[in-house]
Amino acid sequence: MIGFLLRRLLWMAITLWTVFTVSFLLMRSVPGGPLDRERTLDPQIEANIRARYHLDDPLWKQYLRELSKTATGDLGYSFRMSDFTVNEVIAEGLPVSASLGLVALGLAIAVGLTAGIVSAVRRQTLLDVSLMSIATLGIALPNFIIAAIAIILFVFVIPLFPAAGWGTVGHLILPAFCLGAPYAAYIARLTRTGMLDVLGQDYIRTAYAKGLSTPAVVLRHALRGAMLPVVSFLGPAIAGILTGSLVVEKIFAIPGLGIHFIEAANQRDYTLAMGLVLLYTALLYTMNLLVDMTYALLDPRIKLE
């Protein structure tokens, strides 16, 4: 186990370095820069800003400086919000995105697993067709369409929730539903597929032959094996959902990382964009590592090599 973790941590460091290098070169190769604005800056002011951020240095020197600072955990100051460091922006926005993401993930898992299990147990019935049709619709519809429908229904027609903002439980429910709905649809279809595969196994028929009830067979024997494809999906899904949905946060005016990422891309904020990309990469790699470890817990035949 220790050797496995050490190898994965080494590959994580290599992955982060590769993502840093590619992102650094791409951001500086596209037209425009962090100092390109609608209003032209005074040449002396622009020169001072370039000197402050070392933008007048050769590209290789900028790369080595940024790499060494990033390796120590210092992501530098934001170009767009010059009074804040990237670490401060992430520390402020990540808890908001994580809170929204955790609630959305909880809703997605609860609804998706329930729908998938019921659909598999009642396969080829009207209930199965209805649930899978709704799941297909949830996958097909983008977040902004779901958000628009939810706002019309639960803000204007039935005024249950506020339209936008952050700070109360009411502000959390509607965007969490819109963010978690597509994930719930995927989980439902994956759970149904995995459950149908497991329900045909010999040990399930043996459990039924022993007189166990359907809920006992499904929850105690079948669900564990059916969770493998769901766990595979949850790895990257958790990373994406925790870092915040760009569209959902923008629509509901939630001060999470999604809005910062959009602004960083639009305004060529090199340091902030780099910090958010590296954060997402680290979360994605960590979630995939946890998925591999969960595999070994769910299925003893799988060994961590």
C-alpha atoms as a PDB file:
ATOM      1  CA  MET A   1       0.000   0.000   0.000  1.00  0.00           C
ATOM      2  CA  ILE A   2       2.791   2.452   0.930  1.00  0.00           C
ATOM      3  CA  GLY A   3       4.662   1.734  -2.302  1.00  0.00           C
ATOM      4  CA  PHE A   4       1.459   2.233  -4.282  1.00  0.00           C
ATOM      5  CA  LEU A   5       0.818   5.602  -2.622  1.00  0.00           C
ATOM      6  CA  LEU A   6       4.405   6.767  -3.159  1.00  0.00           C
ATOM      7  CA  ARG A   7       4.248   5.908  -6.859  1.00  0.00           C
ATOM      8  CA  ARG A   8       0.947   7.707  -7.262  1.00  0.00           C
ATOM      9  CA  LEU A   9       2.273  10.792  -5.453  1.00  0.00           C
ATOM     10  CA  LEU A  10       5.284  10.808  -7.767  1.00  0.00           C
ATOM     11  CA  TRP A  11       3.035  10.628 -10.819  1.00  0.00           C
ATOM     12  CA  MET A  12       0.876  13.366  -9.344  1.00  0.00           C
ATOM     13  CA  ALA A  13       3.919  15.649  -9.123  1.00  0.00           C
ATOM     14  CA  ILE A  14       4.833  14.832 -12.734  1.00  0.00           C
ATOM     15  CA  THR A  15       1.243  15.478 -13.852  1.00  0.00           C
ATOM     16  CA  LEU A  16       1.099  18.842 -12.082  1.00  0.00           C
ATOM     17  CA  TRP A  17       4.427  19.873 -13.622  1.00  0.00           C
ATOM     18  CA  THR A  18       3.196  18.863 -17.094  1.00  0.00           C
ATOM     19  CA  VAL A  19      -0.085  20.776 -16.663  1.00  0.00           C
ATOM     20  CA  PHE A  20       1.839  23.802 -15.379  1.00  0.00           C
ATOM     21  CA  THR A  21       4.190  23.771 -18.365  1.00  0.00           C
ATOM     22  CA  VAL A  22       1.457  23.354 -20.975  1.00  0.00           C
ATOM     23  CA  SER A  23      -0.746  26.000 -19.346  1.00  0.00           C
ATOM     24  CA  PHE A  24       2.149  28.447 -19.057  1.00  0.00           C
ATOM     25  CA  LEU A  25       3.031  28.136 -22.742  1.00  0.00           C
ATOM     26  CA  LEU A  26      -0.571  28.251 -23.960  1.00  0.00           C
ATOM     27  CA  MET A  27      -1.488  31.344 -21.946  1.00  0.00           C
ATOM     28  CA  ARG A  28       1.490  33.264 -23.282  1.00  0.00           C
ATOM     29  CA  SER A  29       1.112  32.111 -26.876  1.00  0.00           C
ATOM     30  CA  VAL A  30      -2.460  33.371 -27.429  1.00  0.00           C
ATOM     31  CA  PRO A  31      -3.026  36.993 -28.507  1.00  0.00           C
ATOM     32  CA  GLY A  32      -3.528  39.563 -25.769  1.00  0.00           C
ATOM     33  CA  GLY A  33      -2.256  39.782 -22.237  1.00  0.00           C
ATOM     34  CA  PRO A  34      -3.180  40.861 -18.695  1.00  0.00           C
ATOM     35  CA  LEU A  35      -2.360  44.513 -19.460  1.00  0.00           C
ATOM     36  CA  ASP A  36      -4.546  44.757 -22.593  1.00  0.00           C
ATOM     37  CA  ARG A  37      -7.529  46.889 -21.599  1.00  0.00           C
ATOM     38  CA  GLU A  38     -10.105  49.108 -23.228  1.00  0.00           C
ATOM     39  CA  ARG A  39      -8.350  52.156 -21.835  1.00  0.00           C
ATOM     40  CA  THR A  40      -4.690  52.509 -22.778  1.00  0.00           C
ATOM     41  CA  LEU A  41      -2.345  52.762 -19.819  1.00  0.00           C
ATOM     42  CA  ASP A  42       0.296  55.426 -19.468  1.00  0.00           C
ATOM     43  CA  PRO A  43       3.585  53.961 -20.790  1.00  0.00           C
ATOM     44  CA  GLN A  44       5.360  54.548 -17.479  1.00  0.00           C
ATOM     45  CA  ILE A  45       2.552  52.911 -15.508  1.00  0.00           C
ATOM     46  CA  GLU A  46       2.521  49.925 -17.861  1.00  0.00           C
ATOM     47  CA  ALA A  47       6.301  49.628 -17.530  1.00  0.00           C
ATOM     48  CA  ASN A  48       6.020  49.634 -13.733  1.00  0.00           C
ATOM     49  CA  ILE A  49       3.327  46.939 -13.808  1.00  0.00           C
ATOM     50  CA  ARG A  50       5.391  44.802 -16.165  1.00  0.00           C
ATOM     51  CA  ALA A  51       8.374  45.166 -13.876  1.00  0.00           C
ATOM     52  CA  ARG A  52       6.298  44.239 -10.828  1.00  0.00           C
ATOM     53  CA  TYR A  53       5.044  41.008 -12.438  1.00  0.00           C
ATOM     54  CA  HIS A  54       8.349  40.379 -14.301  1.00  0.00           C
ATOM     55  CA  LEU A  55       6.546  40.362 -17.661  1.00  0.00           C
ATOM     56  CA  ASP A  56       9.506  42.084 -19.300  1.00  0.00           C
ATOM     57  CA  ASP A  57      11.806  39.157 -18.491  1.00  0.00           C
ATOM     58  CA  PRO A  58      12.628  36.488 -21.095  1.00  0.00           C
ATOM     59  CA  LEU A  59      10.054  33.695 -21.314  1.00  0.00           C
ATOM     60  CA  TRP A  60      12.387  31.038 -19.906  1.00  0.00           C
ATOM     61  CA  LYS A  61      13.169  33.224 -16.911  1.00  0.00           C
ATOM     62  CA  GLN A  62       9.455  33.827 -16.262  1.00  0.00           C
ATOM     63  CA  TYR A  63       8.867  30.069 -16.462  1.00  0.00           C
ATOM     64  CA  LEU A  64      11.589  29.176 -13.960  1.00  0.00           C
ATOM     65  CA  ARG A  65      10.493  31.907 -11.546  1.00  0.00           C
ATOM     66  CA  GLU A  66       6.819  30.876 -11.658  1.00  0.00           C
ATOM     67  CA  LEU A  67       7.702  27.192 -11.386  1.00  0.00           C
ATOM     68  CA  SER A  68       9.894  27.709  -8.325  1.00  0.00           C
ATOM     69  CA  LYS A  69       7.248  29.846  -6.596  1.00  0.00           C
ATOM     70  CA  THR A  70       4.476  27.396  -7.414  1.00  0.00           C
ATOM     71  CA  ALA A  71       6.530  24.489  -6.074  1.00  0.00           C
ATOM     72  CA  THR A  72       6.626  26.221  -2.685  1.00  0.00           C
ATOM     73  CA  GLY A  73       2.879  26.851  -2.721  1.00  0.00           C
ATOM     74  CA  ASP A  74       3.132  30.560  -3.587  1.00  0.00           C
ATOM     75  CA  LEU A  75       0.842  31.212  -6.564  1.00  0.00           C
ATOM     76  CA  GLY A  76       1.579  34.940  -6.625  1.00  0.00           C
ATOM     77  CA  TYR A  77      -0.698  37.961  -6.855  1.00  0.00           C
ATOM     78  CA  SER A  78      -3.724  38.113  -9.131  1.00  0.00           C
ATOM     79  CA  PHE A  79      -3.450  40.485 -12.108  1.00  0.00           C
ATOM     80  CA  ARG A  80      -7.161  41.299 -11.942  1.00  0.00           C
ATOM     81  CA  MET A  81      -7.334  41.744  -8.166  1.00  0.00           C
ATOM     82  CA  SER A  82      -3.890  43.114  -7.461  1.00  0.00           C
ATOM     83  CA  ASP A  83      -4.513  43.465  -3.712  1.00  0.00           C
ATOM     84  CA  PHE A  84      -5.150  39.733  -3.306  1.00  0.00           C
ATOM     85  CA  THR A  85      -2.924  36.723  -3.794  1.00  0.00           C
ATOM     86  CA  VAL A  86      -4.189  33.716  -5.726  1.00  0.00           C
ATOM     87  CA  ASN A  87      -3.997  31.691  -2.499  1.00  0.00           C
ATOM     88  CA  GLU A  88      -6.360  34.185  -0.830  1.00  0.00           C
ATOM     89  CA  VAL A  89      -8.801  34.089  -3.752  1.00  0.00           C
ATOM     90  CA  ILE A  90      -8.870  30.270  -3.645  1.00  0.00           C
ATOM     91  CA  ALA A  91      -9.217  30.249   0.154  1.00  0.00           C
ATOM     92  CA  GLU A  92     -12.211  32.560  -0.143  1.00  0.00           C
ATOM     93  CA  GLY A  93     -13.958  30.916  -3.098  1.00  0.00           C
ATOM     94  CA  LEU A  94     -13.238  27.223  -2.528  1.00  0.00           C
ATOM     95  CA  PRO A  95     -15.395  26.826   0.638  1.00  0.00           C
ATOM     96  CA  VAL A  96     -18.344  28.360  -1.221  1.00  0.00           C
ATOM     97  CA  SER A  97     -17.930  26.084  -4.245  1.00  0.00           C
ATOM     98  CA  ALA A  98     -17.284  23.096  -1.979  1.00  0.00           C
ATOM     99  CA  SER A  99     -20.440  23.755   0.060  1.00  0.00           C
ATOM    100  CA  LEU A 100     -22.510  23.990  -3.094  1.00  0.00           C
ATOM    101  CA  GLY A 101     -20.785  20.953  -4.559  1.00  0.00           C
ATOM    102  CA  LEU A 102     -21.210  18.746  -1.494  1.00  0.00           C
ATOM    103  CA  VAL A 103     -24.948  19.433  -1.290  1.00  0.00           C
ATOM    104  CA  ALA A 104     -25.298  18.872  -5.048  1.00  0.00           C
ATOM    105  CA  LEU A 105     -23.282  15.660  -4.805  1.00  0.00           C
ATOM    106  CA  GLY A 106     -25.381  14.396  -1.898  1.00  0.00           C
ATOM    107  CA  LEU A 107     -28.578  15.045  -3.859  1.00  0.00           C
ATOM    108  CA  ALA A 108     -27.109  13.418  -6.981  1.00  0.00           C
ATOM    109  CA  ILE A 109     -26.024  10.259  -5.164  1.00  0.00           C
ATOM    110  CA  ALA A 110     -29.266   9.886  -3.185  1.00  0.00           C
ATOM    111  CA  VAL A 111     -31.567  10.476  -6.159  1.00  0.00           C
ATOM    112  CA  GLY A 112     -29.384   8.655  -8.702  1.00  0.00           C
ATOM    113  CA  LEU A 113     -28.849   5.503  -6.639  1.00  0.00           C
ATOM    114  CA  THR A 114     -32.521   5.278  -5.669  1.00  0.00           C
ATOM    115  CA  ALA A 115     -33.731   5.743  -9.242  1.00  0.00           C
ATOM    116  CA  GLY A 116     -31.178   3.268 -10.612  1.00  0.00           C
ATOM    117  CA  ILE A 117     -31.977   0.569  -8.066  1.00  0.00           C
ATOM    118  CA  VAL A 118     -35.744   0.911  -8.472  1.00  0.00           C
ATOM    119  CA  SER A 119     -35.409   0.924 -12.248  1.00  0.00           C
ATOM    120  CA  ALA A 120     -33.289  -2.245 -12.237  1.00  0.00           C
ATOM    121  CA  VAL A 121     -35.551  -4.120  -9.845  1.00  0.00           C
ATOM    122  CA  ARG A 122     -38.649  -3.072 -11.828  1.00  0.00           C
ATOM    123  CA  ARG A 123     -37.005  -3.444 -15.229  1.00  0.00           C
ATOM    124  CA  GLN A 124     -39.128  -3.336 -18.379  1.00  0.00           C
ATOM    125  CA  THR A 125     -42.026  -1.756 -16.519  1.00  0.00           C
ATOM    126  CA  LEU A 126     -43.618   1.654 -16.907  1.00  0.00           C
ATOM    127  CA  LEU A 127     -41.702   2.857 -13.831  1.00  0.00           C
ATOM    128  CA  ASP A 128     -38.398   1.741 -15.364  1.00  0.00           C
ATOM    129  CA  VAL A 129     -39.121   3.467 -18.670  1.00  0.00           C
ATOM    130  CA  SER A 130     -40.261   6.658 -16.916  1.00  0.00           C
ATOM    131  CA  LEU A 131     -37.216   6.904 -14.652  1.00  0.00           C
ATOM    132  CA  MET A 132     -34.737   6.231 -17.453  1.00  0.00           C
ATOM    133  CA  SER A 133     -36.504   8.710 -19.734  1.00  0.00           C
ATOM    134  CA  ILE A 134     -36.153  11.388 -17.064  1.00  0.00           C
ATOM    135  CA  ALA A 135     -32.492  10.425 -16.621  1.00  0.00           C
ATOM    136  CA  THR A 136     -31.857  10.708 -20.351  1.00  0.00           C
ATOM    137  CA  LEU A 137     -33.518  14.117 -20.342  1.00  0.00           C
ATOM    138  CA  GLY A 138     -31.335  15.188 -17.408  1.00  0.00           C
ATOM    139  CA  ILE A 139     -28.207  14.176 -19.301  1.00  0.00           C
ATOM    140  CA  ALA A 140     -29.296  15.891 -22.494  1.00  0.00           C
ATOM    141  CA  LEU A 141     -30.307  19.222 -20.953  1.00  0.00           C
ATOM    142  CA  PRO A 142     -27.420  21.603 -20.148  1.00  0.00           C
ATOM    143  CA  ASN A 143     -27.129  23.263 -16.757  1.00  0.00           C
ATOM    144  CA  PHE A 144     -28.330  26.660 -17.894  1.00  0.00           C
ATOM    145  CA  ILE A 145     -31.579  25.199 -19.280  1.00  0.00           C
ATOM    146  CA  ILE A 146     -32.271  23.340 -16.040  1.00  0.00           C
ATOM    147  CA  ALA A 147     -31.449  26.510 -14.078  1.00  0.00           C
ATOM    148  CA  ALA A 148     -33.767  28.620 -16.244  1.00  0.00           C
ATOM    149  CA  ILE A 149     -36.667  26.170 -15.803  1.00  0.00           C
ATOM    150  CA  ALA A 150     -36.037  25.935 -12.051  1.00  0.00           C
ATOM    151  CA  ILE A 151     -35.980  29.731 -11.659  1.00  0.00           C
ATOM    152  CA  ILE A 152     -39.241  30.130 -13.590  1.00  0.00           C
ATOM    153  CA  LEU A 153     -40.987  27.412 -11.557  1.00  0.00           C
ATOM    154  CA  PHE A 154     -39.639  27.948  -8.046  1.00  0.00           C
ATOM    155  CA  VAL A 155     -38.903  31.682  -8.046  1.00  0.00           C
ATOM    156  CA  PHE A 156     -41.683  33.253 -10.122  1.00  0.00           C
ATOM    157  CA  VAL A 157     -44.522  30.714 -10.457  1.00  0.00           C
ATOM    158  CA  ILE A 158     -44.096  29.158  -6.987  1.00  0.00           C
ATOM    159  CA  PRO A 159     -41.933  31.603  -5.001  1.00  0.00           C
ATOM    160  CA  LEU A 160     -40.138  29.167  -2.712  1.00  0.00           C
ATOM    161  CA  PHE A 161     -36.509  30.176  -3.184  1.00  0.00           C
ATOM    162  CA  PRO A 162     -34.543  33.383  -3.887  1.00  0.00           C
ATOM    163  CA  ALA A 163     -33.378  33.911  -7.450  1.00  0.00           C
ATOM    164  CA  ALA A 164     -29.720  34.586  -6.635  1.00  0.00           C
ATOM    165  CA  GLY A 165     -27.269  35.345  -3.860  1.00  0.00           C
ATOM    166  CA  TRP A 166     -25.494  33.483  -1.090  1.00  0.00           C
ATOM    167  CA  GLY A 167     -25.680  33.234   2.680  1.00  0.00           C
ATOM    168  CA  THR A 168     -28.752  31.178   3.640  1.00  0.00           C
ATOM    169  CA  VAL A 169     -29.987  27.626   3.142  1.00  0.00           C
ATOM    170  CA  GLY A 170     -32.576  28.914   0.689  1.00  0.00           C
ATOM    171  CA  HIS A 171     -29.814  30.284  -1.526  1.00  0.00           C
ATOM    172  CA  LEU A 172     -28.191  26.831  -1.586  1.00  0.00           C
ATOM    173  CA  ILE A 173     -31.029  24.466  -2.505  1.00  0.00           C
ATOM    174  CA  LEU A 174     -31.947  25.634  -5.999  1.00  0.00           C
ATOM    175  CA  PRO A 175     -28.405  25.927  -7.445  1.00  0.00           C
ATOM    176  CA  ALA A 176     -27.459  22.620  -5.774  1.00  0.00           C
ATOM    177  CA  PHE A 177     -30.395  20.946  -7.504  1.00  0.00           C
ATOM    178  CA  CYS A 178     -29.438  22.443 -10.883  1.00  0.00           C
ATOM    179  CA  LEU A 179     -25.800  21.443 -10.423  1.00  0.00           C
ATOM    180  CA  GLY A 180     -26.555  17.908  -9.209  1.00  0.00           C
ATOM    181  CA  ALA A 181     -29.345  17.012 -11.657  1.00  0.00           C
ATOM    182  CA  PRO A 182     -27.101  15.901 -14.571  1.00  0.00           C
ATOM    183  CA  TYR A 183     -24.877  13.919 -12.179  1.00  0.00           C
ATOM    184  CA  ALA A 184     -27.955  12.228 -10.700  1.00  0.00           C
ATOM    185  CA  ALA A 185     -29.037  11.232 -14.206  1.00  0.00           C
ATOM    186  CA  TYR A 186     -25.647   9.673 -14.972  1.00  0.00           C
ATOM    187  CA  ILE A 187     -25.570   7.857 -11.620  1.00  0.00           C
ATOM    188  CA  ALA A 188     -29.079   6.493 -12.202  1.00  0.00           C
ATOM    189  CA  ARG A 189     -28.189   4.988 -15.568  1.00  0.00           C
ATOM    190  CA  LEU A 190     -24.865   3.598 -14.321  1.00  0.00           C
ATOM    191  CA  THR A 191     -26.519   2.110 -11.236  1.00  0.00           C
ATOM    192  CA  ARG A 192     -29.229   0.462 -13.329  1.00  0.00           C
ATOM    193  CA  THR A 193     -26.667  -1.029 -15.730  1.00  0.00           C
ATOM    194  CA  GLY A 194     -24.452  -2.302 -12.911  1.00  0.00           C
ATOM    195  CA  MET A 195     -27.403  -3.644 -10.952  1.00  0.00           C
ATOM    196  CA  LEU A 196     -28.811  -5.555 -13.925  1.00  0.00           C
ATOM    197  CA  ASP A 197     -25.414  -7.154 -14.495  1.00  0.00           C
ATOM    198  CA  VAL A 198     -25.087  -8.182 -10.843  1.00  0.00           C
ATOM    199  CA  LEU A 199     -28.670  -9.424 -10.461  1.00  0.00           C
ATOM    200  CA  GLY A 200     -27.944 -12.096 -13.065  1.00  0.00           C
ATOM    201  CA  GLN A 201     -25.024 -13.576 -11.106  1.00  0.00           C
ATOM    202  CA  ASP A 202     -25.162 -16.998  -9.444  1.00  0.00           C
ATOM    203  CA  TYR A 203     -24.676 -15.704  -5.886  1.00  0.00           C
ATOM    204  CA  ILE A 204     -27.745 -13.478  -6.253  1.00  0.00           C
ATOM    205  CA  ARG A 205     -29.869 -16.454  -7.298  1.00  0.00           C
ATOM    206  CA  THR A 206     -28.449 -18.344  -4.306  1.00  0.00           C
ATOM    207  CA  ALA A 207     -29.469 -15.509  -1.983  1.00  0.00           C
ATOM    208  CA  TYR A 208     -33.003 -15.631  -3.361  1.00  0.00           C
ATOM    209  CA  ALA A 209     -33.035 -19.426  -2.968  1.00  0.00           C
ATOM    210  CA  LYS A 210     -32.183 -19.031   0.727  1.00  0.00           C
ATOM    211  CA  GLY A 211     -35.401 -17.075   1.165  1.00  0.00           C
ATOM    212  CA  LEU A 212     -34.008 -13.561   1.469  1.00  0.00           C
ATOM    213  CA  SER A 213     -36.347 -10.742   0.555  1.00  0.00           C
ATOM    214  CA  THR A 214     -35.727  -8.525  -2.478  1.00  0.00           C
ATOM    215  CA  PRO A 215     -34.636  -5.484  -0.391  1.00  0.00           C
ATOM    216  CA  ALA A 216     -32.168  -7.651   1.537  1.00  0.00           C
ATOM    217  CA  VAL A 217     -30.715  -9.161  -1.646  1.00  0.00           C
ATOM    218  CA  VAL A 218     -30.441  -5.799  -3.383  1.00  0.00           C
ATOM    219  CA  LEU A 219     -29.000  -3.784  -0.501  1.00  0.00           C
ATOM    220  CA  ARG A 220     -26.791  -6.420   1.154  1.00  0.00           C
ATOM    221  CA  HIS A 221     -25.509  -8.366  -1.852  1.00  0.00           C
ATOM    222  CA  ALA A 222     -26.163  -6.732  -5.219  1.00  0.00           C
ATOM    223  CA  LEU A 223     -25.511  -3.059  -4.467  1.00  0.00           C
ATOM    224  CA  ARG A 224     -21.855  -3.516  -3.562  1.00  0.00           C
ATOM    225  CA  GLY A 225     -20.994  -5.027  -6.936  1.00  0.00           C
ATOM    226  CA  ALA A 226     -23.181  -2.592  -8.823  1.00  0.00           C
ATOM    227  CA  MET A 227     -21.354   0.386  -7.295  1.00  0.00           C
ATOM    228  CA  LEU A 228     -18.121  -0.155  -9.264  1.00  0.00           C
ATOM    229  CA  PRO A 229     -19.147   1.811 -12.400  1.00  0.00           C
ATOM    230  CA  VAL A 230     -20.692   4.502 -10.182  1.00  0.00           C
ATOM    231  CA  VAL A 231     -17.450   4.861  -8.220  1.00  0.00           C
ATOM    232  CA  SER A 232     -15.522   5.226 -11.493  1.00  0.00           C
ATOM    233  CA  PHE A 233     -17.799   8.085 -12.495  1.00  0.00           C
ATOM    234  CA  LEU A 234     -17.690   9.776  -9.083  1.00  0.00           C
ATOM    235  CA  GLY A 235     -13.916  10.319  -9.174  1.00  0.00           C
ATOM    236  CA  PRO A 236     -13.772  13.057 -11.826  1.00  0.00           C
ATOM    237  CA  ALA A 237     -17.344  14.115 -11.004  1.00  0.00           C
ATOM    238  CA  ILE A 238     -16.450  15.033  -7.425  1.00  0.00           C
ATOM    239  CA  ALA A 239     -13.426  17.029  -8.572  1.00  0.00           C
ATOM    240  CA  GLY A 240     -15.523  18.946 -11.076  1.00  0.00           C
ATOM    241  CA  ILE A 241     -18.439  19.522  -8.751  1.00  0.00           C
ATOM    242  CA  LEU A 242     -16.263  20.732  -5.850  1.00  0.00           C
ATOM    243  CA  THR A 243     -14.408  23.305  -7.921  1.00  0.00           C
ATOM    244  CA  GLY A 244     -17.747  24.789  -8.899  1.00  0.00           C
ATOM    245  CA  SER A 245     -19.890  24.882 -11.974  1.00  0.00           C
ATOM    246  CA  LEU A 246     -19.076  27.935 -14.051  1.00  0.00           C
ATOM    247  CA  VAL A 247     -22.571  28.304 -15.461  1.00  0.00           C
ATOM    248  CA  VAL A 248     -24.556  27.625 -12.286  1.00  0.00           C
ATOM    249  CA  GLU A 249     -22.453  29.968 -10.154  1.00  0.00           C
ATOM    250  CA  LYS A 250     -22.729  32.690 -12.780  1.00  0.00           C
ATOM    251  CA  ILE A 251     -26.525  32.349 -13.101  1.00  0.00           C
ATOM    252  CA  PHE A 252     -27.172  32.385  -9.347  1.00  0.00           C
ATOM    253  CA  ALA A 253     -24.467  35.003  -8.560  1.00  0.00           C
ATOM    254  CA  ILE A 254     -22.626  32.670  -6.190  1.00  0.00           C
ATOM    255  CA  PRO A 255     -19.164  33.955  -5.144  1.00  0.00           C
ATOM    256  CA  GLY A 256     -17.346  30.680  -5.774  1.00  0.00           C
ATOM    257  CA  LEU A 257     -14.377  29.691  -7.915  1.00  0.00           C
ATOM    258  CA  GLY A 258     -16.437  29.467 -11.100  1.00  0.00           C
ATOM    259  CA  ILE A 259     -16.805  33.231 -11.495  1.00  0.00           C
ATOM    260  CA  HIS A 260     -13.104  33.756 -10.781  1.00  0.00           C
ATOM    261  CA  PHE A 261     -12.164  31.209 -13.438  1.00  0.00           C
ATOM    262  CA  ILE A 262     -14.317  32.926 -16.069  1.00  0.00           C
ATOM    263  CA  GLU A 263     -12.881  36.334 -15.255  1.00  0.00           C
ATOM    264  CA  ALA A 264      -9.328  34.991 -15.191  1.00  0.00           C
ATOM    265  CA  ALA A 265      -9.758  33.530 -18.680  1.00  0.00           C
ATOM    266  CA  ASN A 266     -11.438  36.638 -20.099  1.00  0.00           C
ATOM    267  CA  GLN A 267      -8.891  39.078 -18.685  1.00  0.00           C
ATOM    268  CA  ARG A 268      -5.786  36.923 -19.220  1.00  0.00           C
ATOM    269  CA  ASP A 269      -5.082  36.761 -15.494  1.00  0.00           C
ATOM    270  CA  TYR A 270      -2.112  34.407 -15.808  1.00  0.00           C
ATOM    271  CA  THR A 271      -1.554  33.718 -12.124  1.00  0.00           C
ATOM    272  CA  LEU A 272      -5.195  33.194 -11.130  1.00  0.00           C
ATOM    273  CA  ALA A 273      -5.935  30.998 -14.151  1.00  0.00           C
ATOM    274  CA  MET A 274      -2.840  28.908 -13.443  1.00  0.00           C
ATOM    275  CA  GLY A 275      -3.769  28.488  -9.781  1.00  0.00           C
ATOM    276  CA  LEU A 276      -7.295  27.320 -10.586  1.00  0.00           C
ATOM    277  CA  VAL A 277      -6.102  24.916 -13.280  1.00  0.00           C
ATOM    278  CA  LEU A 278      -3.575  23.364 -10.887  1.00  0.00           C
ATOM    279  CA  LEU A 279      -6.220  23.143  -8.155  1.00  0.00           C
ATOM    280  CA  TYR A 280      -8.595  21.285 -10.463  1.00  0.00           C
ATOM    281  CA  THR A 281      -5.782  18.968 -11.599  1.00  0.00           C
ATOM    282  CA  ALA A 282      -4.822  18.138  -8.002  1.00  0.00           C
ATOM    283  CA  LEU A 283      -8.451  17.460  -7.046  1.00  0.00           C
ATOM    284  CA  LEU A 284      -9.023  15.300 -10.121  1.00  0.00           C
ATOM    285  CA  TYR A 285      -5.896  13.232  -9.451  1.00  0.00           C
ATOM    286  CA  THR A 286      -6.761  12.847  -5.750  1.00  0.00           C
ATOM    287  CA  MET A 287     -10.302  11.720  -6.534  1.00  0.00           C
ATOM    288  CA  ASN A 288      -9.036   9.140  -9.030  1.00  0.00           C
ATOM    289  CA  LEU A 289      -6.620   7.855  -6.387  1.00  0.00           C
ATOM    290  CA  LEU A 290      -9.488   7.475  -3.918  1.00  0.00           C
ATOM    291  CA  VAL A 291     -11.511   5.676  -6.607  1.00  0.00           C
ATOM    292  CA  ASP A 292      -8.730   3.117  -7.084  1.00  0.00           C
ATOM    293  CA  MET A 293      -8.550   2.551  -3.333  1.00  0.00           C
ATOM    294  CA  THR A 294     -12.336   2.229  -3.089  1.00  0.00           C
ATOM    295  CA  TYR A 295     -12.244  -0.387  -5.844  1.00  0.00           C
ATOM    296  CA  ALA A 296     -10.125  -2.619  -3.628  1.00  0.00           C
ATOM    297  CA  LEU A 297     -12.598  -2.221  -0.761  1.00  0.00           C
ATOM    298  CA  LEU A 298     -15.662  -3.002  -2.879  1.00  0.00           C
ATOM    299  CA  ASP A 299     -14.105  -5.921  -4.754  1.00  0.00           C
ATOM    300  CA  PRO A 300     -11.416  -7.955  -2.904  1.00  0.00           C
ATOM    301  CA  ARG A 301     -10.325  -9.479  -6.243  1.00  0.00           C
ATOM    302  CA  ILE A 302      -8.868  -6.095  -7.249  1.00  0.00           C
ATOM    303  CA  LYS A 303      -5.338  -5.545  -5.962  1.00  0.00           C
ATOM    304  CA  LEU A 304      -3.540  -2.213  -5.734  1.00  0.00           C
ATOM    305  CA  GLU A 305      -0.431  -2.700  -7.851  1.00  0.00           C
END
